[in-house]
Amino acid sequence: MADQNIPENELDPGANTQMFKAFVSETQPAAEPKFNGRVLAVVGAAVLLVIVVVLIAVL
């Protein structure tokens, strides 16, 4: 049976170890949030404005 012990200083013949290390060390860019603070503030202000207009119309 062939010797399965590969010294650390030699490359993996199948390159599986290097490929796995590259996959693990890859940094994926963080996904941007769908709504940032400014968008939420504008939407909140619009909703508040609609509520105020409705309340004034009812009174």
PDB file of N, CA and C in Angstrom:
ATOM      1  N   MET A   1       0.854  -1.173   0.000  1.00  0.00           N
ATOM      2  CA  MET A   1       0.000   0.000   0.000  1.00  0.00           C
ATOM      3  C   MET A   1       0.901   1.236   0.000  1.00  0.00           C
ATOM      4  N   ALA A   2       0.505   2.253  -0.717  1.00  0.00           N
ATOM      5  CA  ALA A   2       1.322   3.463  -0.831  1.00  0.00           C
ATOM      6  C   ALA A   2       1.293   4.249   0.468  1.00  0.00           C
ATOM      7  N   ASP A   3       2.369   4.945   0.710  1.00  0.00           N
ATOM      8  CA  ASP A   3       2.469   5.769   1.920  1.00  0.00           C
ATOM      9  C   ASP A   3       1.554   6.985   1.764  1.00  0.00           C
ATOM     10  N   GLN A   4       0.581   7.155   2.639  1.00  0.00           N
ATOM     11  CA  GLN A   4      -0.400   8.236   2.544  1.00  0.00           C
ATOM     12  C   GLN A   4       0.024   9.493   3.292  1.00  0.00           C
ATOM     13  N   ASN A   5       1.157   9.443   3.986  1.00  0.00           N
ATOM     14  CA  ASN A   5       1.598  10.606   4.744  1.00  0.00           C
ATOM     15  C   ASN A   5       2.330  11.576   3.821  1.00  0.00           C
ATOM     16  N   ILE A   6       1.747  12.767   3.636  1.00  0.00           N
ATOM     17  CA  ILE A   6       2.353  13.784   2.783  1.00  0.00           C
ATOM     18  C   ILE A   6       3.018  14.805   3.693  1.00  0.00           C
ATOM     19  N   PRO A   7       4.300  15.057   3.502  1.00  0.00           N
ATOM     20  CA  PRO A   7       4.952  16.080   4.330  1.00  0.00           C
ATOM     21  C   PRO A   7       4.282  17.439   4.146  1.00  0.00           C
ATOM     22  N   GLU A   8       4.308  18.258   5.190  1.00  0.00           N
ATOM     23  CA  GLU A   8       3.621  19.557   5.144  1.00  0.00           C
ATOM     24  C   GLU A   8       4.181  20.493   4.089  1.00  0.00           C
ATOM     25  N   ASN A   9       5.458  20.365   3.770  1.00  0.00           N
ATOM     26  CA  ASN A   9       6.060  21.299   2.831  1.00  0.00           C
ATOM     27  C   ASN A   9       5.768  20.938   1.376  1.00  0.00           C
ATOM     28  N   GLU A  10       5.150  19.792   1.116  1.00  0.00           N
ATOM     29  CA  GLU A  10       4.788  19.409  -0.245  1.00  0.00           C
ATOM     30  C   GLU A  10       3.342  19.789  -0.519  1.00  0.00           C
ATOM     31  N   LEU A  11       3.073  20.109  -1.775  1.00  0.00           N
ATOM     32  CA  LEU A  11       1.707  20.451  -2.156  1.00  0.00           C
ATOM     33  C   LEU A  11       0.840  19.201  -2.207  1.00  0.00           C
ATOM     34  N   ASP A  12      -0.415  19.379  -1.921  1.00  0.00           N
ATOM     35  CA  ASP A  12      -1.373  18.290  -2.004  1.00  0.00           C
ATOM     36  C   ASP A  12      -1.533  17.923  -3.482  1.00  0.00           C
ATOM     37  N   PRO A  13      -1.318  16.662  -3.863  1.00  0.00           N
ATOM     38  CA  PRO A  13      -1.397  16.291  -5.281  1.00  0.00           C
ATOM     39  C   PRO A  13      -2.750  16.596  -5.904  1.00  0.00           C
ATOM     40  N   GLY A  14      -3.815  16.429  -5.159  1.00  0.00           N
ATOM     41  CA  GLY A  14      -5.142  16.705  -5.695  1.00  0.00           C
ATOM     42  C   GLY A  14      -5.555  18.152  -5.531  1.00  0.00           C
ATOM     43  N   ALA A  15      -4.766  18.927  -4.810  1.00  0.00           N
ATOM     44  CA  ALA A  15      -5.029  20.342  -4.547  1.00  0.00           C
ATOM     45  C   ALA A  15      -6.323  20.556  -3.768  1.00  0.00           C
ATOM     46  N   ASN A  16      -6.853  19.513  -3.171  1.00  0.00           N
ATOM     47  CA  ASN A  16      -8.095  19.665  -2.418  1.00  0.00           C
ATOM     48  C   ASN A  16      -7.904  20.543  -1.193  1.00  0.00           C
ATOM     49  N   THR A  17      -6.797  20.371  -0.506  1.00  0.00           N
ATOM     50  CA  THR A  17      -6.557  21.158   0.702  1.00  0.00           C
ATOM     51  C   THR A  17      -6.425  22.633   0.362  1.00  0.00           C
ATOM     52  N   GLN A  18      -5.670  22.947  -0.682  1.00  0.00           N
ATOM     53  CA  GLN A  18      -5.496  24.345  -1.061  1.00  0.00           C
ATOM     54  C   GLN A  18      -6.820  24.949  -1.517  1.00  0.00           C
ATOM     55  N   MET A  19      -7.606  24.176  -2.264  1.00  0.00           N
ATOM     56  CA  MET A  19      -8.892  24.686  -2.730  1.00  0.00           C
ATOM     57  C   MET A  19      -9.831  24.935  -1.549  1.00  0.00           C
ATOM     58  N   PHE A  20      -9.824  24.037  -0.582  1.00  0.00           N
ATOM     59  CA  PHE A  20     -10.674  24.218   0.589  1.00  0.00           C
ATOM     60  C   PHE A  20     -10.251  25.442   1.383  1.00  0.00           C
ATOM     61  N   LYS A  21      -8.937  25.604   1.583  1.00  0.00           N
ATOM     62  CA  LYS A  21      -8.456  26.773   2.316  1.00  0.00           C
ATOM     63  C   LYS A  21      -8.816  28.061   1.592  1.00  0.00           C
ATOM     64  N   ALA A  22      -8.716  28.066   0.268  1.00  0.00           N
ATOM     65  CA  ALA A  22      -9.085  29.252  -0.506  1.00  0.00           C
ATOM     66  C   ALA A  22     -10.572  29.529  -0.363  1.00  0.00           C
ATOM     67  N   PHE A  23     -11.393  28.487  -0.377  1.00  0.00           N
ATOM     68  CA  PHE A  23     -12.842  28.659  -0.233  1.00  0.00           C
ATOM     69  C   PHE A  23     -13.189  29.226   1.138  1.00  0.00           C
ATOM     70  N   VAL A  24     -12.547  28.698   2.168  1.00  0.00           N
ATOM     71  CA  VAL A  24     -12.846  29.142   3.523  1.00  0.00           C
ATOM     72  C   VAL A  24     -12.375  30.567   3.754  1.00  0.00           C
ATOM     73  N   SER A  25     -11.214  30.911   3.180  1.00  0.00           N
ATOM     74  CA  SER A  25     -10.658  32.237   3.435  1.00  0.00           C
ATOM     75  C   SER A  25     -11.262  33.323   2.562  1.00  0.00           C
ATOM     76  N   GLU A  26     -12.080  32.957   1.582  1.00  0.00           N
ATOM     77  CA  GLU A  26     -12.720  33.973   0.740  1.00  0.00           C
ATOM     78  C   GLU A  26     -13.627  34.834   1.602  1.00  0.00           C
ATOM     79  N   THR A  27     -13.555  36.119   1.369  1.00  0.00           N
ATOM     80  CA  THR A  27     -14.454  37.016   2.085  1.00  0.00           C
ATOM     81  C   THR A  27     -15.504  37.490   1.111  1.00  0.00           C
ATOM     82  N   GLN A  28     -16.720  37.169   1.417  1.00  0.00           N
ATOM     83  CA  GLN A  28     -17.815  37.598   0.560  1.00  0.00           C
ATOM     84  C   GLN A  28     -18.266  38.979   1.023  1.00  0.00           C
ATOM     85  N   PRO A  29     -18.542  39.863   0.084  1.00  0.00           N
ATOM     86  CA  PRO A  29     -18.984  41.200   0.475  1.00  0.00           C
ATOM     87  C   PRO A  29     -20.307  41.135   1.231  1.00  0.00           C
ATOM     88  N   ALA A  30     -20.402  41.960   2.241  1.00  0.00           N
ATOM     89  CA  ALA A  30     -21.629  41.984   3.033  1.00  0.00           C
ATOM     90  C   ALA A  30     -22.772  42.538   2.185  1.00  0.00           C
ATOM     91  N   ALA A  31     -23.901  41.897   2.275  1.00  0.00           N
ATOM     92  CA  ALA A  31     -25.063  42.357   1.523  1.00  0.00           C
ATOM     93  C   ALA A  31     -25.549  43.684   2.113  1.00  0.00           C
ATOM     94  N   GLU A  32     -25.843  44.609   1.226  1.00  0.00           N
ATOM     95  CA  GLU A  32     -26.337  45.893   1.703  1.00  0.00           C
ATOM     96  C   GLU A  32     -27.767  45.724   2.216  1.00  0.00           C
ATOM     97  N   PRO A  33     -28.105  46.386   3.305  1.00  0.00           N
ATOM     98  CA  PRO A  33     -29.475  46.277   3.797  1.00  0.00           C
ATOM     99  C   PRO A  33     -30.443  46.869   2.781  1.00  0.00           C
ATOM    100  N   LYS A  34     -31.616  46.286   2.694  1.00  0.00           N
ATOM    101  CA  LYS A  34     -32.590  46.752   1.718  1.00  0.00           C
ATOM    102  C   LYS A  34     -33.080  48.160   2.049  1.00  0.00           C
ATOM    103  N   PHE A  35     -33.202  48.449   3.326  1.00  0.00           N
ATOM    104  CA  PHE A  35     -33.661  49.775   3.739  1.00  0.00           C
ATOM    105  C   PHE A  35     -32.625  50.376   4.673  1.00  0.00           C
ATOM    106  N   ASN A  36     -32.125  51.534   4.320  1.00  0.00           N
ATOM    107  CA  ASN A  36     -31.207  52.204   5.229  1.00  0.00           C
ATOM    108  C   ASN A  36     -32.002  53.206   6.058  1.00  0.00           C
ATOM    109  N   GLY A  37     -31.347  53.907   6.937  1.00  0.00           N
ATOM    110  CA  GLY A  37     -32.025  54.823   7.847  1.00  0.00           C
ATOM    111  C   GLY A  37     -32.781  55.932   7.147  1.00  0.00           C
ATOM    112  N   ARG A  38     -32.200  56.463   6.074  1.00  0.00           N
ATOM    113  CA  ARG A  38     -32.851  57.568   5.358  1.00  0.00           C
ATOM    114  C   ARG A  38     -34.163  57.118   4.723  1.00  0.00           C
ATOM    115  N   VAL A  39     -34.179  55.946   4.115  1.00  0.00           N
ATOM    116  CA  VAL A  39     -35.398  55.442   3.476  1.00  0.00           C
ATOM    117  C   VAL A  39     -36.474  55.209   4.525  1.00  0.00           C
ATOM    118  N   LEU A  40     -36.096  54.629   5.647  1.00  0.00           N
ATOM    119  CA  LEU A  40     -37.078  54.384   6.703  1.00  0.00           C
ATOM    120  C   LEU A  40     -37.622  55.698   7.259  1.00  0.00           C
ATOM    121  N   ALA A  41     -36.790  56.719   7.382  1.00  0.00           N
ATOM    122  CA  ALA A  41     -37.245  58.013   7.881  1.00  0.00           C
ATOM    123  C   ALA A  41     -38.231  58.646   6.908  1.00  0.00           C
ATOM    124  N   VAL A  42     -37.956  58.564   5.625  1.00  0.00           N
ATOM    125  CA  VAL A  42     -38.860  59.141   4.619  1.00  0.00           C
ATOM    126  C   VAL A  42     -40.195  58.407   4.616  1.00  0.00           C
ATOM    127  N   VAL A  43     -40.156  57.090   4.678  1.00  0.00           N
ATOM    128  CA  VAL A  43     -41.389  56.303   4.702  1.00  0.00           C
ATOM    129  C   VAL A  43     -42.177  56.598   5.973  1.00  0.00           C
ATOM    130  N   GLY A  44     -41.497  56.688   7.100  1.00  0.00           N
ATOM    131  CA  GLY A  44     -42.175  57.008   8.358  1.00  0.00           C
ATOM    132  C   GLY A  44     -42.801  58.386   8.326  1.00  0.00           C
ATOM    133  N   ALA A  45     -42.103  59.357   7.768  1.00  0.00           N
ATOM    134  CA  ALA A  45     -42.651  60.712   7.652  1.00  0.00           C
ATOM    135  C   ALA A  45     -43.868  60.726   6.739  1.00  0.00           C
ATOM    136  N   ALA A  46     -43.827  59.986   5.646  1.00  0.00           N
ATOM    137  CA  ALA A  46     -44.961  59.931   4.724  1.00  0.00           C
ATOM    138  C   ALA A  46     -46.177  59.304   5.396  1.00  0.00           C
ATOM    139  N   VAL A  47     -45.950  58.226   6.139  1.00  0.00           N
ATOM    140  CA  VAL A  47     -47.064  57.574   6.850  1.00  0.00           C
ATOM    141  C   VAL A  47     -47.648  58.525   7.893  1.00  0.00           C
ATOM    142  N   LEU A  48     -46.789  59.210   8.623  1.00  0.00           N
ATOM    143  CA  LEU A  48     -47.256  60.166   9.623  1.00  0.00           C
ATOM    144  C   LEU A  48     -48.047  61.293   8.971  1.00  0.00           C
ATOM    145  N   LEU A  49     -47.582  61.771   7.827  1.00  0.00           N
ATOM    146  CA  LEU A  49     -48.286  62.836   7.114  1.00  0.00           C
ATOM    147  C   LEU A  49     -49.667  62.372   6.664  1.00  0.00           C
ATOM    148  N   VAL A  50     -49.762  61.160   6.160  1.00  0.00           N
ATOM    149  CA  VAL A  50     -51.061  60.619   5.740  1.00  0.00           C
ATOM    150  C   VAL A  50     -51.998  60.508   6.936  1.00  0.00           C
ATOM    151  N   ILE A  51     -51.501  60.053   8.068  1.00  0.00           N
ATOM    152  CA  ILE A  51     -52.339  59.929   9.268  1.00  0.00           C
ATOM    153  C   ILE A  51     -52.840  61.297   9.713  1.00  0.00           C
ATOM    154  N   VAL A  52     -51.973  62.304   9.712  1.00  0.00           N
ATOM    155  CA  VAL A  52     -52.371  63.654  10.118  1.00  0.00           C
ATOM    156  C   VAL A  52     -53.425  64.201   9.164  1.00  0.00           C
ATOM    157  N   VAL A  53     -53.242  64.004   7.858  1.00  0.00           N
ATOM    158  CA  VAL A  53     -54.213  64.497   6.869  1.00  0.00           C
ATOM    159  C   VAL A  53     -55.559  63.815   7.070  1.00  0.00           C
ATOM    160  N   VAL A  54     -55.557  62.521   7.317  1.00  0.00           N
ATOM    161  CA  VAL A  54     -56.805  61.783   7.537  1.00  0.00           C
ATOM    162  C   VAL A  54     -57.487  62.278   8.803  1.00  0.00           C
ATOM    163  N   LEU A  55     -56.732  62.498   9.865  1.00  0.00           N
ATOM    164  CA  LEU A  55     -57.328  62.973  11.113  1.00  0.00           C
ATOM    165  C   LEU A  55     -57.923  64.386  10.947  1.00  0.00           C
ATOM    166  N   ILE A  56     -57.238  65.242  10.206  1.00  0.00           N
ATOM    167  CA  ILE A  56     -57.765  66.596   9.978  1.00  0.00           C
ATOM    168  C   ILE A  56     -59.018  66.534   9.125  1.00  0.00           C
ATOM    169  N   ALA A  57     -59.055  65.635   8.144  1.00  0.00           N
ATOM    170  CA  ALA A  57     -60.237  65.507   7.271  1.00  0.00           C
ATOM    171  C   ALA A  57     -61.435  64.974   8.051  1.00  0.00           C
ATOM    172  N   VAL A  58     -61.197  64.088   9.006  1.00  0.00           N
ATOM    173  CA  VAL A  58     -62.294  63.493   9.784  1.00  0.00           C
ATOM    174  C   VAL A  58     -62.840  64.505  10.783  1.00  0.00           C
ATOM    175  N   LEU A  59     -61.990  65.312  11.364  1.00  0.00           N
ATOM    176  CA  LEU A  59     -62.443  66.291  12.350  1.00  0.00           C
ATOM    177  C   LEU A  59     -62.979  67.450  11.610  1.00  0.00           C
TER     178      LEU A  59
END
